[in-house]
Amino acid sequence: MAFAQPFPLAAAAQKIQQQTFGPDLAVRLICPECRDPNPNIVEEFGSGDLVCGSCGLVLGDRIVDTRSEWRTFANDEGDDPSRVGAASDPLLEGIEQLDTLISFRDGGTGIARELQRAASRSQSSRSERNLLTAFRDIGSWCDQFSLPKTISDIAKQLYKRSDEEKLLRGKPLEAVIAACIFIACRQAHVPRTFREICNLTHVSKKTLGQCYKALEQAFNLSPGATAQVNANGSNPSTGPENLLVRYCNHLDLPANVQSICGDIIVAARQHGVADGRSPVSIAGGAIYFTCHLLGKPKSSRDISVVAGVSEGTIKLVYRLYYADREKLVKEEWIKEGRADMDRLPVER
């Protein structure tokens, strides 16, 4: 059998048109009770119901409100039709808190950068931009230090007040922020040493000390004015007892070591042992002394890494404690079997 074409073409496939659906505009919603051709349908957005305005029959429920959400989010009563943006910050009162972000995608023409520069100049003044930058740095550094939000807020309040009164004009921004964080930690009874703040902010200890002294005098932050001084004359917010909690946690020491170590530090202060030493050195030496006393020794290297002081300083404080060990160790600890002075090594 011969064909006119050796390979006949397949029949062209017929295009099937998909059926489209649209709303029937001829359908009207009427009340089944009134049967009024011109119904009075009322949308009750407060309850989410669709109600007949003539007889009160509920025709539908769970109606979604499609209108603008002009609600009041202010603490005080009054008209506040703000419905966009984050919660207002009381520290930024009087400053526009809404930003305009311009995309970087401009095809490599550089227009986006020019637009961003123009927008930043038009939106806020230089002082406002510096304040926002400082607040951003305070928040990020407090997060790196694992400090709570209360300390961040205190540091922001201190910086805003110092900026308004021009207390540290000419000082680097990082140094002012570091001093504010250091003071905030002291006031919140979460002490941090100068060395820790310097390592976090990369500010020299001399510059940090100058800014701290200026703020201390301006805000009347002397120990007698802001903190209650105990009978022994030490400031509870910067004493070695407050550093024990953090150091013992980093060294994985049990709770009884911390409590006994605190008692030893108090007894040493009463007898004038290791007077004049820094709180960090006293805390490190007391931990070294207490760990050997209770039979849970820690090396001086491990303590020096946590406390941030040299091994020689720790052993120097330990030798001062060892010389007056009879005054520091309570007899009840020895009777209960918790402490044994024979475990204390002789450091030379």
C-alpha atoms as a PDB file:
ATOM      1  CA  MET A   1       0.000   0.000   0.000  1.00  0.00           C
ATOM      2  CA  ALA A   2       1.474   3.299  -1.075  1.00  0.00           C
ATOM      3  CA  PHE A   3       0.901   6.680   0.509  1.00  0.00           C
ATOM      4  CA  ALA A   4       0.978  10.017  -1.160  1.00  0.00           C
ATOM      5  CA  GLN A   5       3.475  11.104   1.497  1.00  0.00           C
ATOM      6  CA  PRO A   6       6.037   8.737   2.975  1.00  0.00           C
ATOM      7  CA  PHE A   7       5.552  10.225   6.412  1.00  0.00           C
ATOM      8  CA  PRO A   8       2.103  11.791   6.690  1.00  0.00           C
ATOM      9  CA  LEU A   9       1.792  14.735   9.103  1.00  0.00           C
ATOM     10  CA  ALA A  10      -0.120  14.219  12.304  1.00  0.00           C
ATOM     11  CA  ALA A  11      -3.425  15.981  12.629  1.00  0.00           C
ATOM     12  CA  ALA A  12      -3.105  19.380  14.258  1.00  0.00           C
ATOM     13  CA  ALA A  13      -4.173  19.283  17.866  1.00  0.00           C
ATOM     14  CA  GLN A  14      -7.194  21.373  18.559  1.00  0.00           C
ATOM     15  CA  LYS A  15      -6.742  23.964  21.286  1.00  0.00           C
ATOM     16  CA  ILE A  16      -9.138  23.450  24.135  1.00  0.00           C
ATOM     17  CA  GLN A  17     -10.272  26.691  25.630  1.00  0.00           C
ATOM     18  CA  GLN A  18     -10.435  26.596  29.404  1.00  0.00           C
ATOM     19  CA  GLN A  19     -13.704  27.673  30.856  1.00  0.00           C
ATOM     20  CA  THR A  20     -13.447  30.905  32.801  1.00  0.00           C
ATOM     21  CA  PHE A  21     -15.586  31.845  35.727  1.00  0.00           C
ATOM     22  CA  GLY A  22     -16.509  35.290  36.932  1.00  0.00           C
ATOM     23  CA  PRO A  23     -18.817  36.794  39.484  1.00  0.00           C
ATOM     24  CA  ASP A  24     -22.459  36.976  38.562  1.00  0.00           C
ATOM     25  CA  LEU A  25     -23.242  40.628  38.972  1.00  0.00           C
ATOM     26  CA  ALA A  26     -26.940  39.946  38.640  1.00  0.00           C
ATOM     27  CA  VAL A  27     -27.113  38.167  42.006  1.00  0.00           C
ATOM     28  CA  ARG A  28     -28.133  40.367  44.935  1.00  0.00           C
ATOM     29  CA  LEU A  29     -28.166  39.556  48.622  1.00  0.00           C
ATOM     30  CA  ILE A  30     -31.578  40.129  50.147  1.00  0.00           C
ATOM     31  CA  CYS A  31     -33.039  39.366  53.540  1.00  0.00           C
ATOM     32  CA  PRO A  32     -35.154  36.154  53.516  1.00  0.00           C
ATOM     33  CA  GLU A  33     -37.543  37.731  56.049  1.00  0.00           C
ATOM     34  CA  CYS A  34     -38.097  41.170  54.514  1.00  0.00           C
ATOM     35  CA  ARG A  35     -37.624  40.149  50.878  1.00  0.00           C
ATOM     36  CA  ASP A  36     -37.052  43.779  50.041  1.00  0.00           C
ATOM     37  CA  PRO A  37     -35.624  44.224  46.504  1.00  0.00           C
ATOM     38  CA  ASN A  38     -33.522  47.108  47.867  1.00  0.00           C
ATOM     39  CA  PRO A  39     -32.269  45.599  51.136  1.00  0.00           C
ATOM     40  CA  ASN A  40     -30.609  47.589  53.915  1.00  0.00           C
ATOM     41  CA  ILE A  41     -27.623  45.372  54.681  1.00  0.00           C
ATOM     42  CA  VAL A  42     -25.358  46.586  57.485  1.00  0.00           C
ATOM     43  CA  GLU A  43     -21.834  45.260  58.135  1.00  0.00           C
ATOM     44  CA  GLU A  44     -21.124  45.130  61.877  1.00  0.00           C
ATOM     45  CA  PHE A  45     -17.311  45.037  61.880  1.00  0.00           C
ATOM     46  CA  GLY A  46     -17.146  45.156  65.669  1.00  0.00           C
ATOM     47  CA  SER A  47     -18.844  41.754  65.947  1.00  0.00           C
ATOM     48  CA  GLY A  48     -18.014  40.521  62.436  1.00  0.00           C
ATOM     49  CA  ASP A  49     -21.664  40.038  61.453  1.00  0.00           C
ATOM     50  CA  LEU A  50     -23.730  40.910  58.388  1.00  0.00           C
ATOM     51  CA  VAL A  51     -27.088  42.154  59.654  1.00  0.00           C
ATOM     52  CA  CYS A  52     -30.309  43.257  57.983  1.00  0.00           C
ATOM     53  CA  GLY A  53     -30.914  46.864  58.958  1.00  0.00           C
ATOM     54  CA  SER A  54     -34.713  46.495  58.729  1.00  0.00           C
ATOM     55  CA  CYS A  55     -35.501  43.402  60.802  1.00  0.00           C
ATOM     56  CA  GLY A  56     -32.148  42.669  62.508  1.00  0.00           C
ATOM     57  CA  LEU A  57     -31.693  39.173  61.046  1.00  0.00           C
ATOM     58  CA  VAL A  58     -28.068  38.025  60.998  1.00  0.00           C
ATOM     59  CA  LEU A  59     -27.242  37.078  57.414  1.00  0.00           C
ATOM     60  CA  GLY A  60     -23.585  36.178  57.872  1.00  0.00           C
ATOM     61  CA  ASP A  61     -20.771  36.020  60.402  1.00  0.00           C
ATOM     62  CA  ARG A  62     -16.974  36.240  60.506  1.00  0.00           C
ATOM     63  CA  ILE A  63     -16.909  39.254  58.230  1.00  0.00           C
ATOM     64  CA  VAL A  64     -13.367  40.559  57.664  1.00  0.00           C
ATOM     65  CA  ASP A  65     -12.902  44.291  58.140  1.00  0.00           C
ATOM     66  CA  THR A  66     -11.276  45.635  54.971  1.00  0.00           C
ATOM     67  CA  ARG A  67     -11.133  49.252  56.124  1.00  0.00           C
ATOM     68  CA  SER A  68      -8.034  51.074  57.347  1.00  0.00           C
ATOM     69  CA  GLU A  69      -6.988  50.055  60.842  1.00  0.00           C
ATOM     70  CA  TRP A  70      -6.905  53.448  62.576  1.00  0.00           C
ATOM     71  CA  ARG A  71      -6.532  52.302  66.137  1.00  0.00           C
ATOM     72  CA  THR A  72      -4.945  54.062  69.097  1.00  0.00           C
ATOM     73  CA  PHE A  73      -1.672  52.648  70.451  1.00  0.00           C
ATOM     74  CA  ALA A  74      -0.780  55.549  72.724  1.00  0.00           C
ATOM     75  CA  ASN A  75      -0.472  55.131  76.480  1.00  0.00           C
ATOM     76  CA  ASP A  76      -2.596  58.231  77.081  1.00  0.00           C
ATOM     77  CA  GLU A  77      -6.109  58.708  75.849  1.00  0.00           C
ATOM     78  CA  GLY A  78      -6.559  60.786  72.740  1.00  0.00           C
ATOM     79  CA  ASP A  79      -6.345  60.624  68.994  1.00  0.00           C
ATOM     80  CA  ASP A  80      -3.269  58.760  67.839  1.00  0.00           C
ATOM     81  CA  PRO A  81      -3.996  57.219  64.424  1.00  0.00           C
ATOM     82  CA  SER A  82      -0.576  55.572  64.217  1.00  0.00           C
ATOM     83  CA  ARG A  83      -0.770  52.114  62.738  1.00  0.00           C
ATOM     84  CA  VAL A  84       2.666  51.577  61.221  1.00  0.00           C
ATOM     85  CA  GLY A  85       6.206  51.268  62.538  1.00  0.00           C
ATOM     86  CA  ALA A  86       7.658  49.853  65.715  1.00  0.00           C
ATOM     87  CA  ALA A  87       6.809  50.896  69.243  1.00  0.00           C
ATOM     88  CA  SER A  88       7.848  54.436  70.089  1.00  0.00           C
ATOM     89  CA  ASP A  89      11.071  54.879  72.041  1.00  0.00           C
ATOM     90  CA  PRO A  90      10.815  57.430  74.883  1.00  0.00           C
ATOM     91  CA  LEU A  91      14.560  58.094  74.589  1.00  0.00           C
ATOM     92  CA  LEU A  92      14.018  59.372  71.051  1.00  0.00           C
ATOM     93  CA  GLU A  93      11.282  61.824  71.973  1.00  0.00           C
ATOM     94  CA  GLY A  94      11.162  64.688  69.492  1.00  0.00           C
ATOM     95  CA  ILE A  95      13.060  62.722  66.841  1.00  0.00           C
ATOM     96  CA  GLU A  96      11.422  61.180  63.792  1.00  0.00           C
ATOM     97  CA  GLN A  97      11.529  57.430  64.381  1.00  0.00           C
ATOM     98  CA  LEU A  98      10.395  56.285  60.926  1.00  0.00           C
ATOM     99  CA  ASP A  99      13.110  55.677  58.352  1.00  0.00           C
ATOM    100  CA  THR A 100      13.094  55.573  54.573  1.00  0.00           C
ATOM    101  CA  LEU A 101      15.186  52.770  53.090  1.00  0.00           C
ATOM    102  CA  ILE A 102      16.382  53.071  49.505  1.00  0.00           C
ATOM    103  CA  SER A 103      17.410  49.957  47.616  1.00  0.00           C
ATOM    104  CA  PHE A 104      21.022  49.474  46.535  1.00  0.00           C
ATOM    105  CA  ARG A 105      19.964  48.008  43.184  1.00  0.00           C
ATOM    106  CA  ASP A 106      20.522  50.729  40.642  1.00  0.00           C
ATOM    107  CA  GLY A 107      22.287  48.825  37.878  1.00  0.00           C
ATOM    108  CA  GLY A 108      25.706  50.120  38.914  1.00  0.00           C
ATOM    109  CA  THR A 109      24.855  53.730  38.104  1.00  0.00           C
ATOM    110  CA  GLY A 110      25.476  55.032  41.629  1.00  0.00           C
ATOM    111  CA  ILE A 111      22.109  56.759  41.847  1.00  0.00           C
ATOM    112  CA  ALA A 112      21.048  54.743  44.901  1.00  0.00           C
ATOM    113  CA  ARG A 113      24.015  55.994  46.919  1.00  0.00           C
ATOM    114  CA  GLU A 114      23.253  59.592  46.042  1.00  0.00           C
ATOM    115  CA  LEU A 115      19.601  59.128  46.951  1.00  0.00           C
ATOM    116  CA  GLN A 116      20.533  57.568  50.287  1.00  0.00           C
ATOM    117  CA  ARG A 117      22.874  60.439  51.082  1.00  0.00           C
ATOM    118  CA  ALA A 118      20.221  63.003  50.192  1.00  0.00           C
ATOM    119  CA  ALA A 119      17.548  61.168  52.218  1.00  0.00           C
ATOM    120  CA  SER A 120      19.767  60.957  55.312  1.00  0.00           C
ATOM    121  CA  ARG A 121      20.515  64.686  55.123  1.00  0.00           C
ATOM    122  CA  SER A 122      16.897  65.671  54.722  1.00  0.00           C
ATOM    123  CA  GLN A 123      15.432  63.356  57.345  1.00  0.00           C
ATOM    124  CA  SER A 124      17.474  64.288  60.431  1.00  0.00           C
ATOM    125  CA  SER A 125      20.128  66.671  61.635  1.00  0.00           C
ATOM    126  CA  ARG A 126      23.694  65.727  62.424  1.00  0.00           C
ATOM    127  CA  SER A 127      23.087  65.564  66.184  1.00  0.00           C
ATOM    128  CA  GLU A 128      20.112  63.249  65.704  1.00  0.00           C
ATOM    129  CA  ARG A 129      22.138  60.965  63.441  1.00  0.00           C
ATOM    130  CA  ASN A 130      24.946  60.824  66.019  1.00  0.00           C
ATOM    131  CA  LEU A 131      22.432  59.973  68.740  1.00  0.00           C
ATOM    132  CA  LEU A 132      20.905  57.162  66.692  1.00  0.00           C
ATOM    133  CA  THR A 133      24.369  55.806  65.878  1.00  0.00           C
ATOM    134  CA  ALA A 134      25.345  55.843  69.554  1.00  0.00           C
ATOM    135  CA  PHE A 135      22.139  54.053  70.563  1.00  0.00           C
ATOM    136  CA  ARG A 136      22.770  51.425  67.906  1.00  0.00           C
ATOM    137  CA  ASP A 137      26.339  50.855  69.140  1.00  0.00           C
ATOM    138  CA  ILE A 138      25.217  50.633  72.780  1.00  0.00           C
ATOM    139  CA  GLY A 139      22.619  48.016  71.895  1.00  0.00           C
ATOM    140  CA  SER A 140      25.059  45.914  69.846  1.00  0.00           C
ATOM    141  CA  TRP A 141      27.829  46.033  72.483  1.00  0.00           C
ATOM    142  CA  CYS A 142      25.423  45.126  75.273  1.00  0.00           C
ATOM    143  CA  ASP A 143      24.266  42.156  73.196  1.00  0.00           C
ATOM    144  CA  GLN A 144      27.877  41.032  72.688  1.00  0.00           C
ATOM    145  CA  PHE A 145      28.429  41.284  76.448  1.00  0.00           C
ATOM    146  CA  SER A 146      25.152  39.392  77.163  1.00  0.00           C
ATOM    147  CA  LEU A 147      23.897  42.311  79.255  1.00  0.00           C
ATOM    148  CA  PRO A 148      20.152  42.714  79.907  1.00  0.00           C
ATOM    149  CA  LYS A 149      18.060  45.411  78.265  1.00  0.00           C
ATOM    150  CA  THR A 150      17.827  47.412  81.483  1.00  0.00           C
ATOM    151  CA  ILE A 151      21.565  48.115  81.356  1.00  0.00           C
ATOM    152  CA  SER A 152      21.275  49.118  77.710  1.00  0.00           C
ATOM    153  CA  ASP A 153      18.479  51.568  78.559  1.00  0.00           C
ATOM    154  CA  ILE A 154      20.463  53.066  81.467  1.00  0.00           C
ATOM    155  CA  ALA A 155      23.506  53.504  79.231  1.00  0.00           C
ATOM    156  CA  LYS A 156      21.368  55.208  76.573  1.00  0.00           C
ATOM    157  CA  GLN A 157      19.911  57.597  79.151  1.00  0.00           C
ATOM    158  CA  LEU A 158      23.399  58.476  80.395  1.00  0.00           C
ATOM    159  CA  TYR A 159      24.672  59.090  76.878  1.00  0.00           C
ATOM    160  CA  LYS A 160      21.685  61.230  75.922  1.00  0.00           C
ATOM    161  CA  ARG A 161      22.096  63.379  79.003  1.00  0.00           C
ATOM    162  CA  SER A 162      25.846  63.782  78.434  1.00  0.00           C
ATOM    163  CA  ASP A 163      25.200  64.673  74.796  1.00  0.00           C
ATOM    164  CA  GLU A 164      22.567  67.272  75.675  1.00  0.00           C
ATOM    165  CA  GLU A 165      24.787  68.911  78.318  1.00  0.00           C
ATOM    166  CA  LYS A 166      27.940  68.659  76.150  1.00  0.00           C
ATOM    167  CA  LEU A 167      29.900  67.061  78.990  1.00  0.00           C
ATOM    168  CA  LEU A 168      32.430  65.151  76.886  1.00  0.00           C
ATOM    169  CA  ARG A 169      32.904  67.366  73.881  1.00  0.00           C
ATOM    170  CA  GLY A 170      35.932  66.292  71.865  1.00  0.00           C
ATOM    171  CA  LYS A 171      36.103  62.785  73.334  1.00  0.00           C
ATOM    172  CA  PRO A 172      35.808  59.773  70.996  1.00  0.00           C
ATOM    173  CA  LEU A 173      32.315  58.354  70.640  1.00  0.00           C
ATOM    174  CA  GLU A 174      33.501  54.850  71.554  1.00  0.00           C
ATOM    175  CA  ALA A 175      35.044  56.103  74.807  1.00  0.00           C
ATOM    176  CA  VAL A 176      31.860  57.916  75.855  1.00  0.00           C
ATOM    177  CA  ILE A 177      29.744  54.837  75.096  1.00  0.00           C
ATOM    178  CA  ALA A 178      32.171  52.603  77.017  1.00  0.00           C
ATOM    179  CA  ALA A 179      31.994  54.884  80.069  1.00  0.00           C
ATOM    180  CA  CYS A 180      28.182  54.903  79.929  1.00  0.00           C
ATOM    181  CA  ILE A 181      28.064  51.091  79.768  1.00  0.00           C
ATOM    182  CA  PHE A 182      30.505  50.820  82.691  1.00  0.00           C
ATOM    183  CA  ILE A 183      28.413  53.167  84.850  1.00  0.00           C
ATOM    184  CA  ALA A 184      25.192  51.387  83.840  1.00  0.00           C
ATOM    185  CA  CYS A 185      26.668  48.044  84.933  1.00  0.00           C
ATOM    186  CA  ARG A 186      27.612  49.511  88.315  1.00  0.00           C
ATOM    187  CA  GLN A 187      24.194  51.034  88.888  1.00  0.00           C
ATOM    188  CA  ALA A 188      22.417  47.801  87.897  1.00  0.00           C
ATOM    189  CA  HIS A 189      24.686  45.787  90.266  1.00  0.00           C
ATOM    190  CA  VAL A 190      26.117  43.793  87.359  1.00  0.00           C
ATOM    191  CA  PRO A 191      29.741  44.936  87.687  1.00  0.00           C
ATOM    192  CA  ARG A 192      32.230  44.721  84.859  1.00  0.00           C
ATOM    193  CA  THR A 193      35.892  45.608  85.169  1.00  0.00           C
ATOM    194  CA  PHE A 194      37.724  48.282  83.206  1.00  0.00           C
ATOM    195  CA  ARG A 195      39.659  45.601  81.388  1.00  0.00           C
ATOM    196  CA  GLU A 196      36.515  43.814  80.229  1.00  0.00           C
ATOM    197  CA  ILE A 197      34.974  47.041  78.949  1.00  0.00           C
ATOM    198  CA  CYS A 198      38.220  47.948  77.173  1.00  0.00           C
ATOM    199  CA  ASN A 199      38.426  44.546  75.503  1.00  0.00           C
ATOM    200  CA  LEU A 200      34.831  44.879  74.335  1.00  0.00           C
ATOM    201  CA  THR A 201      34.985  48.426  72.984  1.00  0.00           C
ATOM    202  CA  HIS A 202      38.714  48.555  72.052  1.00  0.00           C
ATOM    203  CA  VAL A 203      39.105  51.797  74.022  1.00  0.00           C
ATOM    204  CA  SER A 204      42.288  52.493  75.961  1.00  0.00           C
ATOM    205  CA  LYS A 205      42.072  52.310  79.726  1.00  0.00           C
ATOM    206  CA  LYS A 206      43.340  55.880  80.072  1.00  0.00           C
ATOM    207  CA  THR A 207      40.659  57.350  77.797  1.00  0.00           C
ATOM    208  CA  LEU A 208      37.953  55.278  79.451  1.00  0.00           C
ATOM    209  CA  GLY A 209      39.089  56.475  82.877  1.00  0.00           C
ATOM    210  CA  GLN A 210      38.994  60.115  81.809  1.00  0.00           C
ATOM    211  CA  CYS A 211      35.451  59.811  80.460  1.00  0.00           C
ATOM    212  CA  TYR A 212      34.322  57.902  83.531  1.00  0.00           C
ATOM    213  CA  LYS A 213      35.731  60.508  85.910  1.00  0.00           C
ATOM    214  CA  ALA A 214      34.042  63.322  83.972  1.00  0.00           C
ATOM    215  CA  LEU A 215      30.664  61.582  84.039  1.00  0.00           C
ATOM    216  CA  GLU A 216      31.085  60.625  87.692  1.00  0.00           C
ATOM    217  CA  GLN A 217      31.611  64.254  88.692  1.00  0.00           C
ATOM    218  CA  ALA A 218      28.871  65.613  86.420  1.00  0.00           C
ATOM    219  CA  PHE A 219      26.200  63.110  87.507  1.00  0.00           C
ATOM    220  CA  ASN A 220      27.313  62.934  91.165  1.00  0.00           C
ATOM    221  CA  LEU A 221      28.011  59.216  90.857  1.00  0.00           C
ATOM    222  CA  SER A 222      30.334  58.916  93.852  1.00  0.00           C
ATOM    223  CA  PRO A 223      29.808  55.734  95.933  1.00  0.00           C
ATOM    224  CA  GLY A 224      28.281  57.749  98.773  1.00  0.00           C
ATOM    225  CA  ALA A 225      25.688  59.292  96.453  1.00  0.00           C
ATOM    226  CA  THR A 226      24.515  56.359  94.364  1.00  0.00           C
ATOM    227  CA  ALA A 227      25.202  53.207  96.325  1.00  0.00           C
ATOM    228  CA  GLN A 228      24.873  52.234  99.924  1.00  0.00           C
ATOM    229  CA  VAL A 229      28.273  51.665 101.479  1.00  0.00           C
ATOM    230  CA  ASN A 230      28.460  48.823 103.940  1.00  0.00           C
ATOM    231  CA  ALA A 231      30.049  48.964 107.367  1.00  0.00           C
ATOM    232  CA  ASN A 232      33.442  47.933 106.021  1.00  0.00           C
ATOM    233  CA  GLY A 233      33.559  50.866 103.611  1.00  0.00           C
ATOM    234  CA  SER A 234      33.381  48.927 100.338  1.00  0.00           C
ATOM    235  CA  ASN A 235      31.074  49.587  97.477  1.00  0.00           C
ATOM    236  CA  PRO A 236      28.804  46.541  97.024  1.00  0.00           C
ATOM    237  CA  SER A 237      28.474  47.072  93.276  1.00  0.00           C
ATOM    238  CA  THR A 238      32.233  46.808  92.606  1.00  0.00           C
ATOM    239  CA  GLY A 239      33.398  44.518  95.419  1.00  0.00           C
ATOM    240  CA  PRO A 240      35.023  41.141  94.771  1.00  0.00           C
ATOM    241  CA  GLU A 241      31.953  39.391  96.191  1.00  0.00           C
ATOM    242  CA  ASN A 242      29.915  40.445  93.158  1.00  0.00           C
ATOM    243  CA  LEU A 243      32.535  39.081  90.777  1.00  0.00           C
ATOM    244  CA  LEU A 244      32.448  35.637  92.386  1.00  0.00           C
ATOM    245  CA  VAL A 245      29.123  34.661  90.824  1.00  0.00           C
ATOM    246  CA  ARG A 246      30.365  35.074  87.275  1.00  0.00           C
ATOM    247  CA  TYR A 247      33.824  33.637  87.893  1.00  0.00           C
ATOM    248  CA  CYS A 248      32.518  30.541  89.708  1.00  0.00           C
ATOM    249  CA  ASN A 249      29.990  29.903  86.944  1.00  0.00           C
ATOM    250  CA  HIS A 250      32.711  30.036  84.301  1.00  0.00           C
ATOM    251  CA  LEU A 251      34.852  27.651  86.368  1.00  0.00           C
ATOM    252  CA  ASP A 252      31.923  25.207  86.899  1.00  0.00           C
ATOM    253  CA  LEU A 253      32.260  25.394  90.679  1.00  0.00           C
ATOM    254  CA  PRO A 254      29.414  24.308  92.996  1.00  0.00           C
ATOM    255  CA  ALA A 255      27.367  26.807  94.976  1.00  0.00           C
ATOM    256  CA  ASN A 256      29.019  26.012  98.325  1.00  0.00           C
ATOM    257  CA  VAL A 257      32.400  27.165  96.971  1.00  0.00           C
ATOM    258  CA  GLN A 258      30.919  30.533  96.081  1.00  0.00           C
ATOM    259  CA  SER A 259      29.271  31.047  99.484  1.00  0.00           C
ATOM    260  CA  ILE A 260      32.373  30.042 101.488  1.00  0.00           C
ATOM    261  CA  CYS A 261      34.610  32.134  99.250  1.00  0.00           C
ATOM    262  CA  GLY A 262      32.390  35.164  99.902  1.00  0.00           C
ATOM    263  CA  ASP A 263      32.687  34.625 103.666  1.00  0.00           C
ATOM    264  CA  ILE A 264      36.471  34.369 103.380  1.00  0.00           C
ATOM    265  CA  ILE A 265      36.651  37.656 101.461  1.00  0.00           C
ATOM    266  CA  VAL A 266      34.530  39.407 104.106  1.00  0.00           C
ATOM    267  CA  ALA A 267      36.692  38.009 106.907  1.00  0.00           C
ATOM    268  CA  ALA A 268      39.867  39.074 105.086  1.00  0.00           C
ATOM    269  CA  ARG A 269      38.525  42.611 104.726  1.00  0.00           C
ATOM    270  CA  GLN A 270      37.687  42.769 108.433  1.00  0.00           C
ATOM    271  CA  HIS A 271      41.227  41.718 109.382  1.00  0.00           C
ATOM    272  CA  GLY A 272      42.869  43.935 106.756  1.00  0.00           C
ATOM    273  CA  VAL A 273      44.265  41.053 104.698  1.00  0.00           C
ATOM    274  CA  ALA A 274      45.219  41.991 101.098  1.00  0.00           C
ATOM    275  CA  ASP A 275      44.067  45.574 101.529  1.00  0.00           C
ATOM    276  CA  GLY A 276      44.786  47.807  98.571  1.00  0.00           C
ATOM    277  CA  ARG A 277      44.481  45.015  96.006  1.00  0.00           C
ATOM    278  CA  SER A 278      42.038  45.299  93.130  1.00  0.00           C
ATOM    279  CA  PRO A 279      38.699  43.458  93.408  1.00  0.00           C
ATOM    280  CA  VAL A 280      39.623  41.231  90.467  1.00  0.00           C
ATOM    281  CA  SER A 281      42.882  40.134  92.124  1.00  0.00           C
ATOM    282  CA  ILE A 282      41.158  39.487  95.451  1.00  0.00           C
ATOM    283  CA  ALA A 283      38.404  37.459  93.771  1.00  0.00           C
ATOM    284  CA  GLY A 284      40.923  35.333  91.846  1.00  0.00           C
ATOM    285  CA  GLY A 285      43.127  34.689  94.887  1.00  0.00           C
ATOM    286  CA  ALA A 286      40.134  33.909  97.121  1.00  0.00           C
ATOM    287  CA  ILE A 287      38.794  31.367  94.612  1.00  0.00           C
ATOM    288  CA  TYR A 288      42.218  29.713  94.425  1.00  0.00           C
ATOM    289  CA  PHE A 289      42.399  29.588  98.237  1.00  0.00           C
ATOM    290  CA  THR A 290      38.839  28.272  98.683  1.00  0.00           C
ATOM    291  CA  CYS A 291      39.098  25.577  96.002  1.00  0.00           C
ATOM    292  CA  HIS A 292      42.151  24.012  97.676  1.00  0.00           C
ATOM    293  CA  LEU A 293      40.580  24.421 101.111  1.00  0.00           C
ATOM    294  CA  LEU A 294      37.479  22.449 100.092  1.00  0.00           C
ATOM    295  CA  GLY A 295      39.365  19.808  98.134  1.00  0.00           C
ATOM    296  CA  LYS A 296      38.225  20.981  94.692  1.00  0.00           C
ATOM    297  CA  PRO A 297      41.413  22.516  93.370  1.00  0.00           C
ATOM    298  CA  LYS A 298      41.576  24.664  90.258  1.00  0.00           C
ATOM    299  CA  SER A 299      44.806  25.625  88.595  1.00  0.00           C
ATOM    300  CA  SER A 300      45.930  29.225  88.753  1.00  0.00           C
ATOM    301  CA  ARG A 301      46.015  29.290  84.962  1.00  0.00           C
ATOM    302  CA  ASP A 302      42.301  28.480  84.675  1.00  0.00           C
ATOM    303  CA  ILE A 303      41.432  31.164  87.225  1.00  0.00           C
ATOM    304  CA  SER A 304      43.669  33.732  85.515  1.00  0.00           C
ATOM    305  CA  VAL A 305      41.944  33.152  82.174  1.00  0.00           C
ATOM    306  CA  VAL A 306      38.517  33.707  83.713  1.00  0.00           C
ATOM    307  CA  ALA A 307      39.466  36.614  85.987  1.00  0.00           C
ATOM    308  CA  GLY A 308      41.769  38.319  83.520  1.00  0.00           C
ATOM    309  CA  VAL A 309      44.733  38.654  85.924  1.00  0.00           C
ATOM    310  CA  SER A 310      48.156  37.026  85.897  1.00  0.00           C
ATOM    311  CA  GLU A 311      48.971  33.831  87.763  1.00  0.00           C
ATOM    312  CA  GLY A 312      51.545  35.674  89.838  1.00  0.00           C
ATOM    313  CA  THR A 313      48.931  38.112  91.123  1.00  0.00           C
ATOM    314  CA  ILE A 314      46.600  35.260  92.084  1.00  0.00           C
ATOM    315  CA  LYS A 315      49.364  33.437  93.960  1.00  0.00           C
ATOM    316  CA  LEU A 316      50.411  36.671  95.673  1.00  0.00           C
ATOM    317  CA  VAL A 317      46.911  37.147  97.115  1.00  0.00           C
ATOM    318  CA  TYR A 318      46.841  33.449  97.987  1.00  0.00           C
ATOM    319  CA  ARG A 319      50.063  33.784 100.004  1.00  0.00           C
ATOM    320  CA  LEU A 320      48.550  36.691 101.950  1.00  0.00           C
ATOM    321  CA  TYR A 321      45.470  34.584 102.691  1.00  0.00           C
ATOM    322  CA  TYR A 322      47.594  31.557 103.579  1.00  0.00           C
ATOM    323  CA  ALA A 323      49.600  33.549 106.123  1.00  0.00           C
ATOM    324  CA  ASP A 324      46.390  34.478 107.991  1.00  0.00           C
ATOM    325  CA  ARG A 325      44.461  31.274 107.307  1.00  0.00           C
ATOM    326  CA  GLU A 326      43.645  30.801 110.995  1.00  0.00           C
ATOM    327  CA  LYS A 327      41.648  34.047 110.968  1.00  0.00           C
ATOM    328  CA  LEU A 328      39.844  33.352 107.688  1.00  0.00           C
ATOM    329  CA  VAL A 329      38.727  29.731 108.057  1.00  0.00           C
ATOM    330  CA  LYS A 330      35.835  29.126 110.441  1.00  0.00           C
ATOM    331  CA  GLU A 331      36.070  26.258 112.895  1.00  0.00           C
ATOM    332  CA  GLU A 332      32.611  25.013 112.035  1.00  0.00           C
ATOM    333  CA  TRP A 333      33.745  24.333 108.470  1.00  0.00           C
ATOM    334  CA  ILE A 334      36.528  22.107 109.770  1.00  0.00           C
ATOM    335  CA  LYS A 335      34.247  20.337 112.288  1.00  0.00           C
ATOM    336  CA  GLU A 336      31.669  19.623 109.600  1.00  0.00           C
ATOM    337  CA  GLY A 337      34.388  18.142 107.395  1.00  0.00           C
ATOM    338  CA  ARG A 338      33.885  20.590 104.559  1.00  0.00           C
ATOM    339  CA  ALA A 339      37.279  22.282 104.934  1.00  0.00           C
ATOM    340  CA  ASP A 340      40.751  21.054 105.734  1.00  0.00           C
ATOM    341  CA  MET A 341      43.688  23.445 106.027  1.00  0.00           C
ATOM    342  CA  ASP A 342      46.136  20.611 105.367  1.00  0.00           C
ATOM    343  CA  ARG A 343      44.989  20.671 101.733  1.00  0.00           C
ATOM    344  CA  LEU A 344      46.342  24.182 101.244  1.00  0.00           C
ATOM    345  CA  PRO A 345      49.623  24.085  99.291  1.00  0.00           C
ATOM    346  CA  VAL A 346      52.582  26.142 100.430  1.00  0.00           C
ATOM    347  CA  GLU A 347      53.359  28.695  97.750  1.00  0.00           C
ATOM    348  CA  ARG A 348      56.793  30.251  97.779  1.00  0.00           C
END
